[in-house]
Protein backbone atom coordinates (compact mmCIF):
# COMPACT_ATOMS: atom_id res chain seq x y z
CA MET A 1 103.38 -90.38 -44.64
CA LEU A 2 101.62 -89.99 -48.23
CA HIS A 3 98.47 -91.92 -47.02
CA TYR A 4 97.99 -88.87 -44.24
CA ALA A 5 98.38 -86.28 -46.96
CA VAL A 6 96.07 -88.05 -48.87
CA VAL A 7 93.32 -87.95 -45.93
CA PHE A 8 93.97 -84.28 -45.01
CA PHE A 9 93.56 -83.42 -48.70
CA VAL A 10 90.08 -85.51 -48.91
CA ILE A 11 89.32 -83.55 -45.46
CA ALA A 12 89.98 -80.41 -47.11
CA LEU A 13 87.90 -80.99 -50.41
CA ILE A 14 85.09 -82.08 -48.26
CA ALA A 15 85.21 -79.25 -45.90
CA ALA A 16 85.54 -76.68 -49.08
CA LEU A 17 82.41 -78.22 -50.62
CA PHE A 18 80.12 -77.60 -47.24
CA GLY A 19 81.65 -74.22 -47.07
CA PHE A 20 84.31 -74.20 -43.92
CA GLY A 21 86.77 -71.94 -45.57
CA GLY A 22 88.85 -71.73 -42.30
CA ILE A 23 88.85 -75.68 -41.92
CA ALA A 24 89.51 -76.45 -45.56
CA ALA A 25 92.88 -73.98 -45.69
CA GLY A 26 94.14 -75.64 -42.69
CA ALA A 27 93.46 -78.91 -43.87
CA ALA A 28 95.06 -78.54 -47.25
CA GLY A 29 98.15 -76.57 -45.60
CA ILE A 30 98.75 -79.75 -43.33
CA ALA A 31 98.47 -82.03 -46.65
CA LYS A 32 100.86 -79.85 -48.38
CA ILE A 33 103.20 -79.91 -45.32
CA LEU A 34 102.99 -83.89 -45.02
CA PHE A 35 103.43 -84.22 -48.90
CA VAL A 36 106.48 -82.48 -48.57
CA VAL A 37 107.90 -84.35 -45.88
CA PHE A 38 106.98 -87.61 -48.03
CA LEU A 39 108.78 -86.44 -51.05
CA VAL A 40 112.43 -85.44 -48.87
CA MET A 41 112.10 -88.66 -46.69
CA ALA A 42 111.53 -90.47 -50.12
CA LEU A 43 114.51 -88.62 -51.84
CA VAL A 44 116.74 -89.69 -48.77
CA SER A 45 115.87 -93.03 -48.98
CA PHE A 46 116.53 -93.38 -52.55
CA LEU A 47 119.79 -91.63 -52.21
CA ILE A 48 120.85 -93.98 -49.73
CA ASN A 49 119.96 -97.25 -51.57
CA VAL A 50 121.90 -95.50 -54.72
CA MET A 51 125.07 -95.21 -52.27
CA ARG A 52 125.12 -98.60 -50.79
CA GLY A 53 125.04 -100.07 -54.16
C-alpha cells in the first residue's frame, strides 16, 4: 500500500514538472488517500499485535 502511495506521488511530481496540473492533482490526491489507508491499516495491525501479547 505504501509502495503505491509513493508511486502515485512520483507520478504527481513528474506530471507537475511537465506542467500537467490536472493529472498532478489527481495523482497527488490518490497518493494521499493510499497513504492514509496505509496508516490506518498499520495502526490496526499494531493494535491487534499488542492485544495478542
